[in-house]
C-alpha atoms as a PDB file:
ATOM      1  CA  UNK A   1      96.902 175.370 151.825  1.00  0.00           C
ATOM      2  CA  UNK A   2      94.181 172.732 151.478  1.00  0.00           C
ATOM      3  CA  UNK A   3      92.106 173.843 154.451  1.00  0.00           C
ATOM      4  CA  UNK A   4      92.417 177.557 153.713  1.00  0.00           C
ATOM      5  CA  UNK A   5      91.380 177.076 150.086  1.00  0.00           C
ATOM      6  CA  UNK A   6      88.427 174.916 151.133  1.00  0.00           C
ATOM      7  CA  UNK A   7      87.199 177.339 153.790  1.00  0.00           C
ATOM      8  CA  UNK A   8      87.461 180.349 151.523  1.00  0.00           C
ATOM      9  CA  UNK A   9      85.760 178.604 148.604  1.00  0.00           C
ATOM     10  CA  UNK A  10      82.585 177.772 150.488  1.00  0.00           C
ATOM     11  CA  UNK A  11      82.775 180.441 153.197  1.00  0.00           C
ATOM     12  CA  UNK A  12      82.691 178.149 156.219  1.00  0.00           C
ATOM     13  CA  UNK A  13      85.025 177.346 159.071  1.00  0.00           C
ATOM     14  CA  UNK A  14      86.120 173.720 159.146  1.00  0.00           C
ATOM     15  CA  UNK A  15      85.450 172.395 162.664  1.00  0.00           C
ATOM     16  CA  UNK A  16      87.651 169.303 162.297  1.00  0.00           C
ATOM     17  CA  UNK A  17      91.099 169.235 163.902  1.00  0.00           C
ATOM     18  CA  UNK A  18      93.877 169.373 161.321  1.00  0.00           C
ATOM     19  CA  UNK A  19      95.187 165.991 162.510  1.00  0.00           C
ATOM     20  CA  UNK A  20      91.812 164.413 161.706  1.00  0.00           C
ATOM     21  CA  UNK A  21      91.842 166.014 158.257  1.00  0.00           C
ATOM     22  CA  UNK A  22      95.349 164.779 157.531  1.00  0.00           C
ATOM     23  CA  UNK A  23      94.374 161.271 158.570  1.00  0.00           C
ATOM     24  CA  UNK A  24      91.338 161.367 156.271  1.00  0.00           C
ATOM     25  CA  UNK A  25      93.491 162.721 153.461  1.00  0.00           C
ATOM     26  CA  UNK A  26      95.953 159.852 153.834  1.00  0.00           C
ATOM     27  CA  UNK A  27      93.426 157.062 154.398  1.00  0.00           C
ATOM     28  CA  UNK A  28      90.634 158.103 152.043  1.00  0.00           C
ATOM     29  CA  UNK A  29      92.133 160.296 149.350  1.00  0.00           C
ATOM     30  CA  UNK A  30      95.794 159.378 148.911  1.00  0.00           C
ATOM     31  CA  UNK A  31      95.220 155.652 149.390  1.00  0.00           C
ATOM     32  CA  UNK A  32      92.774 155.400 146.498  1.00  0.00           C
ATOM     33  CA  UNK A  33      94.002 158.059 144.089  1.00  0.00           C
ATOM     34  CA  UNK A  34      96.888 159.342 142.075  1.00  0.00           C
ATOM     35  CA  UNK A  35      98.026 162.568 143.681  1.00  0.00           C
ATOM     36  CA  UNK A  36      99.949 165.304 141.903  1.00  0.00           C
ATOM     37  CA  UNK A  37     101.373 168.204 143.855  1.00  0.00           C
ATOM     38  CA  UNK A  38     102.297 171.609 142.446  1.00  0.00           C
ATOM     39  CA  UNK A  39     105.259 173.235 144.172  1.00  0.00           C
ATOM     40  CA  UNK A  40     106.289 176.868 144.169  1.00  0.00           C
ATOM     41  CA  UNK A  41     109.402 177.274 142.064  1.00  0.00           C
ATOM     42  CA  UNK A  42     111.589 179.176 144.537  1.00  0.00           C
ATOM     43  CA  UNK A  43     110.484 177.691 147.859  1.00  0.00           C
ATOM     44  CA  UNK A  44     109.124 174.232 147.010  1.00  0.00           C
ATOM     45  CA  UNK A  45     106.041 175.104 149.076  1.00  0.00           C
ATOM     46  CA  UNK A  46     102.878 173.218 148.109  1.00  0.00           C
ATOM     47  CA  UNK A  47     100.669 175.545 146.087  1.00  0.00           C
ATOM     48  CA  UNK A  48      98.211 173.041 144.677  1.00  0.00           C
ATOM     49  CA  UNK A  49      97.266 169.419 144.327  1.00  0.00           C
ATOM     50  CA  UNK A  50      94.869 167.089 142.575  1.00  0.00           C
ATOM     51  CA  UNK A  51      93.745 163.610 143.622  1.00  0.00           C
ATOM     52  CA  UNK A  52      92.216 161.588 140.799  1.00  0.00           C
ATOM     53  CA  UNK A  53      91.598 158.175 139.334  1.00  0.00           C
ATOM     54  CA  UNK A  54      90.985 157.236 135.713  1.00  0.00           C
ATOM     55  CA  UNK A  55      87.294 158.159 136.176  1.00  0.00           C
ATOM     56  CA  UNK A  56      87.061 160.683 139.028  1.00  0.00           C
ATOM     57  CA  UNK A  57      88.581 163.795 140.523  1.00  0.00           C
ATOM     58  CA  UNK A  58      88.146 163.705 144.287  1.00  0.00           C
ATOM     59  CA  UNK A  59      90.209 166.770 145.239  1.00  0.00           C
ATOM     60  CA  UNK A  60      91.566 169.801 143.415  1.00  0.00           C
ATOM     61  CA  UNK A  61      92.888 172.706 145.434  1.00  0.00           C
ATOM     62  CA  UNK A  62      95.124 175.645 144.636  1.00  0.00           C
ATOM     63  CA  UNK A  63      96.582 177.951 147.292  1.00  0.00           C
ATOM     64  CA  UNK A  64      94.490 181.127 147.476  1.00  0.00           C
ATOM     65  CA  UNK A  65      97.535 183.277 146.648  1.00  0.00           C
ATOM     66  CA  UNK A  66      98.249 181.255 143.485  1.00  0.00           C
ATOM     67  CA  UNK A  67      94.796 180.985 141.936  1.00  0.00           C
ATOM     68  CA  UNK A  68      94.164 182.259 138.401  1.00  0.00           C
ATOM     69  CA  UNK A  69      97.703 181.365 137.323  1.00  0.00           C
ATOM     70  CA  UNK A  70      96.837 178.193 135.392  1.00  0.00           C
ATOM     71  CA  UNK A  71      97.902 175.748 138.105  1.00  0.00           C
ATOM     72  CA  UNK A  72      94.474 174.165 138.508  1.00  0.00           C
ATOM     73  CA  UNK A  73      94.074 173.957 134.732  1.00  0.00           C
ATOM     74  CA  UNK A  74      97.410 172.165 134.341  1.00  0.00           C
ATOM     75  CA  UNK A  75      96.569 169.696 137.105  1.00  0.00           C
ATOM     76  CA  UNK A  76      93.101 169.046 135.683  1.00  0.00           C
ATOM     77  CA  UNK A  77      94.482 168.549 132.175  1.00  0.00           C
ATOM     78  CA  UNK A  78      96.859 165.884 133.463  1.00  0.00           C
ATOM     79  CA  UNK A  79      93.908 164.067 135.023  1.00  0.00           C
ATOM     80  CA  UNK A  80      92.029 164.327 131.716  1.00  0.00           C
ATOM     81  CA  UNK A  81      95.024 162.933 129.798  1.00  0.00           C
ATOM     82  CA  UNK A  82      95.182 159.964 132.182  1.00  0.00           C
ATOM     83  CA  UNK A  83      91.443 159.345 132.247  1.00  0.00           C
ATOM     84  CA  UNK A  84      89.376 156.610 130.640  1.00  0.00           C
ATOM     85  CA  UNK A  85      87.851 159.305 128.407  1.00  0.00           C
ATOM     86  CA  UNK A  86      85.593 160.763 131.058  1.00  0.00           C
ATOM     87  CA  UNK A  87      85.842 162.199 134.545  1.00  0.00           C
ATOM     88  CA  UNK A  88      83.264 162.828 137.231  1.00  0.00           C
ATOM     89  CA  UNK A  89      83.514 165.074 140.248  1.00  0.00           C
ATOM     90  CA  UNK A  90      81.466 166.883 142.855  1.00  0.00           C
ATOM     91  CA  UNK A  91      81.703 170.452 144.069  1.00  0.00           C
ATOM     92  CA  UNK A  92      79.600 172.353 146.525  1.00  0.00           C
ATOM     93  CA  UNK A  93      76.838 174.505 145.109  1.00  0.00           C
ATOM     94  CA  UNK A  94      78.179 177.386 147.213  1.00  0.00           C
ATOM     95  CA  UNK A  95      81.521 177.198 145.381  1.00  0.00           C
ATOM     96  CA  UNK A  96      80.627 179.295 142.360  1.00  0.00           C
ATOM     97  CA  UNK A  97      84.270 179.774 141.330  1.00  0.00           C
ATOM     98  CA  UNK A  98      84.772 176.019 141.105  1.00  0.00           C
ATOM     99  CA  UNK A  99      81.605 175.622 139.062  1.00  0.00           C
ATOM    100  CA  UNK A 100      82.772 178.279 136.608  1.00  0.00           C
ATOM    101  CA  UNK A 101      86.231 176.687 136.466  1.00  0.00           C
ATOM    102  CA  UNK A 102      84.908 173.196 135.691  1.00  0.00           C
ATOM    103  CA  UNK A 103      82.411 174.485 133.138  1.00  0.00           C
ATOM    104  CA  UNK A 104      85.217 176.395 131.363  1.00  0.00           C
ATOM    105  CA  UNK A 105      87.061 173.076 131.193  1.00  0.00           C
ATOM    106  CA  UNK A 106      84.188 171.283 129.485  1.00  0.00           C
ATOM    107  CA  UNK A 107      82.448 169.704 132.475  1.00  0.00           C
ATOM    108  CA  UNK A 108      78.656 169.478 132.340  1.00  0.00           C
ATOM    109  CA  UNK A 109      76.250 169.289 135.270  1.00  0.00           C
ATOM    110  CA  UNK A 110      74.775 165.791 135.510  1.00  0.00           C
ATOM    111  CA  UNK A 111      73.214 165.936 138.948  1.00  0.00           C
ATOM    112  CA  UNK A 112      72.498 167.895 142.077  1.00  0.00           C
ATOM    113  CA  UNK A 113      72.355 166.526 145.580  1.00  0.00           C
ATOM    114  CA  UNK A 114      73.163 166.999 149.216  1.00  0.00           C
ATOM    115  CA  UNK A 115      76.420 166.161 150.966  1.00  0.00           C
ATOM    116  CA  UNK A 116      75.657 164.756 154.408  1.00  0.00           C
ATOM    117  CA  UNK A 117      79.004 165.371 156.117  1.00  0.00           C
ATOM    118  CA  UNK A 118      78.996 169.103 155.409  1.00  0.00           C
ATOM    119  CA  UNK A 119      75.221 169.507 155.216  1.00  0.00           C
ATOM    120  CA  UNK A 120      75.588 171.391 151.932  1.00  0.00           C
ATOM    121  CA  UNK A 121      74.075 171.109 148.478  1.00  0.00           C
ATOM    122  CA  UNK A 122      76.445 169.790 145.855  1.00  0.00           C
ATOM    123  CA  UNK A 123      76.726 169.602 142.093  1.00  0.00           C
ATOM    124  CA  UNK A 124      77.923 166.565 140.157  1.00  0.00           C
ATOM    125  CA  UNK A 125      79.882 167.190 136.958  1.00  0.00           C
ATOM    126  CA  UNK A 126      81.086 165.020 134.124  1.00  0.00           C
ATOM    127  CA  UNK A 127      83.629 165.643 131.396  1.00  0.00           C
ATOM    128  CA  UNK A 128      83.828 163.468 128.312  1.00  0.00           C
ATOM    129  CA  UNK A 129      86.796 163.531 125.974  1.00  0.00           C
ATOM    130  CA  UNK A 130      86.017 164.856 122.520  1.00  0.00           C
ATOM    131  CA  UNK A 131      85.758 162.181 119.898  1.00  0.00           C
ATOM    132  CA  UNK A 132      88.772 162.030 117.644  1.00  0.00           C
ATOM    133  CA  UNK A 133      88.305 161.874 113.917  1.00  0.00           C
ATOM    134  CA  UNK A 134      89.203 158.456 112.606  1.00  0.00           C
ATOM    135  CA  UNK A 135      91.174 158.692 109.394  1.00  0.00           C
ATOM    136  CA  UNK A 136      90.103 156.286 106.713  1.00  0.00           C
END
């Protein structure tokens, strides 16, 4: 699910063996993040997941057959609710769908750069929680 979504989103073939990816997922993503997994109701198959901290979203993927069903929005909203009032994340410039998704969810572009591992341009986003009216 994760690899297929990634490859389709940026239109590249991931050259890394799946075992290497799973190791990186466990050691770099899961170890330092809260991870929520969305399961398909009838089969319990993984159809999405988010890895986040109180200030960042490091991974958000939804199975290609389950996109546009609100799964990513629900996962992202949980991260927002558990944030310190702001979240930052990166996405690849080639991933136009992700950019549109994050912008619909209130994220603003705060930087552009280059990701060395993938040799691709990226976009940095930030979301800030709306200020609540203080009642006097």
